[in-house]
N, C-alpha and C. Protein backbone atom coordinates (compact mmCIF):
# COMPACT_ATOMS: atom_id res chain seq x y z
N MET A 1 -61.20 63.41 166.05
CA MET A 1 -61.05 64.18 167.28
C MET A 1 -60.08 65.33 167.03
N GLY A 2 -60.36 66.44 167.67
CA GLY A 2 -59.46 67.58 167.58
C GLY A 2 -58.26 67.42 168.49
N LYS A 3 -57.25 68.25 168.24
CA LYS A 3 -56.02 68.16 169.04
C LYS A 3 -56.28 68.47 170.51
N ALA A 4 -57.07 69.48 170.77
CA ALA A 4 -57.33 69.88 172.16
C ALA A 4 -58.08 68.77 172.90
N PHE A 5 -59.02 68.14 172.24
CA PHE A 5 -59.77 67.06 172.87
C PHE A 5 -58.85 65.89 173.19
N LYS A 6 -57.96 65.53 172.26
CA LYS A 6 -57.02 64.43 172.50
C LYS A 6 -56.11 64.76 173.69
N ARG A 7 -55.62 66.00 173.73
CA ARG A 7 -54.75 66.42 174.82
C ARG A 7 -55.48 66.32 176.16
N GLY A 8 -56.72 66.75 176.19
CA GLY A 8 -57.51 66.69 177.41
C GLY A 8 -57.75 65.26 177.86
N MET A 9 -58.02 64.36 176.92
CA MET A 9 -58.24 62.96 177.26
C MET A 9 -56.97 62.34 177.81
N ASN A 10 -55.83 62.61 177.17
CA ASN A 10 -54.56 62.05 177.65
C ASN A 10 -54.20 62.60 179.02
N LYS A 11 -54.48 63.87 179.26
CA LYS A 11 -54.18 64.46 180.56
C LYS A 11 -55.00 63.80 181.65
N SER A 12 -56.27 63.55 181.39
CA SER A 12 -57.12 62.94 182.41
C SER A 12 -56.72 61.49 182.66
N LYS A 13 -56.24 60.79 181.65
CA LYS A 13 -55.77 59.41 181.84
C LYS A 13 -54.56 59.38 182.75
N ASN A 14 -53.65 60.31 182.57
CA ASN A 14 -52.40 60.30 183.33
C ASN A 14 -52.55 60.83 184.74
N ASN A 15 -53.61 61.55 185.04
CA ASN A 15 -53.79 62.13 186.37
C ASN A 15 -54.83 61.40 187.20
N LEU A 16 -55.07 60.13 186.92
CA LEU A 16 -56.06 59.38 187.67
C LEU A 16 -55.66 59.19 189.13
N PHE A 17 -54.38 59.00 189.37
CA PHE A 17 -53.91 58.69 190.72
C PHE A 17 -53.01 59.81 191.24
N GLU A 18 -53.38 61.03 190.96
CA GLU A 18 -52.53 62.17 191.28
C GLU A 18 -52.29 62.32 192.78
N SER A 19 -53.29 62.15 193.59
CA SER A 19 -53.14 62.39 195.02
C SER A 19 -53.34 61.12 195.84
N LEU A 20 -52.85 60.02 195.35
CA LEU A 20 -53.01 58.73 196.02
C LEU A 20 -51.69 58.34 196.67
N SER A 21 -51.72 58.09 197.99
CA SER A 21 -50.51 57.66 198.68
C SER A 21 -50.31 56.15 198.50
N ARG A 22 -49.12 55.70 198.85
CA ARG A 22 -48.81 54.28 198.72
C ARG A 22 -49.72 53.44 199.63
N GLU A 23 -49.95 53.93 200.84
CA GLU A 23 -50.80 53.21 201.78
C GLU A 23 -52.23 53.10 201.26
N GLU A 24 -52.75 54.18 200.70
CA GLU A 24 -54.09 54.14 200.12
C GLU A 24 -54.15 53.18 198.94
N ALA A 25 -53.07 53.15 198.15
CA ALA A 25 -53.02 52.25 197.00
C ALA A 25 -53.06 50.79 197.46
N VAL A 26 -52.31 50.47 198.51
CA VAL A 26 -52.30 49.09 199.04
C VAL A 26 -53.69 48.72 199.53
N ASN A 27 -54.35 49.64 200.23
CA ASN A 27 -55.69 49.37 200.72
C ASN A 27 -56.68 49.16 199.58
N LYS A 28 -56.59 49.96 198.52
CA LYS A 28 -57.48 49.80 197.37
C LYS A 28 -57.24 48.47 196.67
N VAL A 29 -55.98 48.05 196.59
CA VAL A 29 -55.66 46.78 195.95
C VAL A 29 -56.23 45.63 196.76
N VAL A 30 -56.06 45.67 198.07
CA VAL A 30 -56.59 44.60 198.93
C VAL A 30 -58.11 44.54 198.81
N LYS A 31 -58.78 45.69 198.83
CA LYS A 31 -60.23 45.70 198.67
C LYS A 31 -60.63 45.19 197.29
N GLY A 32 -59.86 45.55 196.27
CA GLY A 32 -60.15 45.08 194.92
C GLY A 32 -59.96 43.58 194.78
N LEU A 33 -59.01 43.02 195.51
CA LEU A 33 -58.80 41.57 195.47
C LEU A 33 -59.92 40.84 196.20
N LYS A 34 -60.45 41.45 197.23
CA LYS A 34 -61.56 40.84 197.97
C LYS A 34 -62.84 40.82 197.14
N ASN A 35 -63.03 41.82 196.29
CA ASN A 35 -64.22 41.93 195.46
C ASN A 35 -63.80 42.03 193.99
N PRO A 36 -63.50 40.91 193.35
CA PRO A 36 -62.96 40.95 191.99
C PRO A 36 -63.94 41.40 190.91
N THR A 37 -65.23 41.50 191.25
CA THR A 37 -66.19 41.92 190.23
C THR A 37 -66.13 43.42 189.98
N LYS A 38 -65.67 44.20 190.97
CA LYS A 38 -65.53 45.64 190.78
C LYS A 38 -64.29 45.91 189.94
N ASN A 39 -64.36 46.88 189.06
CA ASN A 39 -63.23 47.23 188.22
C ASN A 39 -62.49 48.40 188.86
N ASP A 40 -61.63 48.12 189.82
CA ASP A 40 -60.88 49.16 190.51
C ASP A 40 -59.50 49.38 189.93
N LYS A 41 -59.23 48.76 188.80
CA LYS A 41 -57.91 48.88 188.17
C LYS A 41 -56.80 48.44 189.12
N VAL A 42 -56.99 47.28 189.70
CA VAL A 42 -56.04 46.73 190.66
C VAL A 42 -54.68 46.52 190.02
N GLU A 43 -54.66 45.99 188.83
CA GLU A 43 -53.38 45.74 188.15
C GLU A 43 -52.62 47.03 187.90
N ASP A 44 -53.33 48.09 187.53
CA ASP A 44 -52.68 49.38 187.29
C ASP A 44 -52.04 49.92 188.57
N LEU A 45 -52.73 49.80 189.68
CA LEU A 45 -52.17 50.28 190.95
C LEU A 45 -50.96 49.46 191.37
N ILE A 46 -51.01 48.15 191.15
CA ILE A 46 -49.89 47.29 191.54
C ILE A 46 -48.64 47.66 190.75
N THR A 47 -48.80 47.83 189.45
CA THR A 47 -47.63 48.14 188.62
C THR A 47 -47.18 49.58 188.80
N LEU A 48 -48.10 50.50 189.04
CA LEU A 48 -47.74 51.90 189.23
C LEU A 48 -46.91 52.10 190.48
N PHE A 49 -47.31 51.46 191.57
CA PHE A 49 -46.60 51.62 192.84
C PHE A 49 -45.55 50.54 193.07
N GLY A 50 -45.48 49.53 192.22
CA GLY A 50 -44.50 48.47 192.40
C GLY A 50 -44.71 47.69 193.68
N LEU A 51 -45.94 47.32 193.94
CA LEU A 51 -46.28 46.63 195.19
C LEU A 51 -45.73 45.21 195.21
N SER A 52 -45.43 44.74 196.41
CA SER A 52 -44.92 43.38 196.57
C SER A 52 -45.97 42.53 197.27
N SER A 53 -45.78 41.23 197.18
CA SER A 53 -46.73 40.31 197.82
C SER A 53 -46.70 40.47 199.34
N GLU A 54 -45.54 40.77 199.89
CA GLU A 54 -45.41 40.95 201.33
C GLU A 54 -46.28 42.11 201.83
N GLU A 55 -46.27 43.22 201.09
CA GLU A 55 -47.09 44.37 201.47
C GLU A 55 -48.57 44.02 201.48
N LEU A 56 -49.00 43.30 200.47
CA LEU A 56 -50.41 42.94 200.36
C LEU A 56 -50.82 41.97 201.45
N LEU A 57 -49.96 41.00 201.74
CA LEU A 57 -50.27 40.02 202.79
C LEU A 57 -50.33 40.68 204.16
N GLU A 58 -49.45 41.65 204.41
CA GLU A 58 -49.45 42.35 205.70
C GLU A 58 -50.70 43.21 205.88
N ASN A 59 -51.31 43.59 204.79
CA ASN A 59 -52.48 44.47 204.87
C ASN A 59 -53.80 43.74 204.69
N GLY A 60 -53.80 42.42 204.76
CA GLY A 60 -55.05 41.69 204.82
C GLY A 60 -55.43 40.86 203.61
N ALA A 61 -54.61 40.82 202.58
CA ALA A 61 -54.92 39.97 201.43
C ALA A 61 -54.63 38.52 201.79
N SER A 62 -55.40 37.61 201.25
CA SER A 62 -55.15 36.19 201.52
C SER A 62 -54.06 35.66 200.60
N TYR A 63 -53.48 34.55 201.00
CA TYR A 63 -52.41 33.94 200.22
C TYR A 63 -52.88 33.58 198.82
N GLU A 64 -54.09 33.05 198.71
CA GLU A 64 -54.62 32.64 197.41
C GLU A 64 -54.80 33.83 196.47
N GLU A 65 -55.27 34.95 197.01
CA GLU A 65 -55.45 36.16 196.19
C GLU A 65 -54.11 36.68 195.67
N VAL A 66 -53.12 36.67 196.54
CA VAL A 66 -51.80 37.15 196.15
C VAL A 66 -51.16 36.20 195.14
N LYS A 67 -51.33 34.93 195.35
CA LYS A 67 -50.76 33.93 194.44
C LYS A 67 -51.38 34.04 193.05
N ALA A 68 -52.66 34.41 192.99
CA ALA A 68 -53.34 34.53 191.70
C ALA A 68 -52.77 35.67 190.86
N ILE A 69 -52.25 36.71 191.50
CA ILE A 69 -51.71 37.85 190.75
C ILE A 69 -50.19 37.92 190.85
N SER A 70 -49.55 36.83 191.18
CA SER A 70 -48.10 36.84 191.41
C SER A 70 -47.30 37.25 190.18
N GLY A 71 -47.88 37.13 189.00
CA GLY A 71 -47.16 37.49 187.77
C GLY A 71 -46.91 38.98 187.62
N ILE A 72 -47.73 39.82 188.28
CA ILE A 72 -47.54 41.26 188.13
C ILE A 72 -46.96 41.93 189.36
N LEU A 73 -46.66 41.15 190.39
CA LEU A 73 -46.09 41.71 191.62
C LEU A 73 -44.59 41.83 191.51
N ASN A 74 -44.02 42.81 192.23
CA ASN A 74 -42.57 43.00 192.28
C ASN A 74 -42.01 42.20 193.44
N ASP A 75 -41.54 41.01 193.17
CA ASP A 75 -40.93 40.18 194.23
C ASP A 75 -39.55 39.75 193.83
C-alpha cells in the first residue's frame, strides 16, 4: 500500500463517530444489545464514550444485557 492510501484508511477509521452525540451513542448501544446479530460496534461505542450500566438501564437495556457486557462498562 502507498503512504497516501494508508493515511486515508487511518483517517476514515478515526472519523467514524465524528458527529455522534452521547445520547445517540447510548441509543445505538441499547439497540445493538437488543439485536446482537447486527455488527454495530457496540463495544467500541461503550469504550469511546465511557458509558455506565446506569445509563444503559435508564435508556431501556435489560439487566441481563447489561450484565453480559459488564466487563467493558465504566462502573
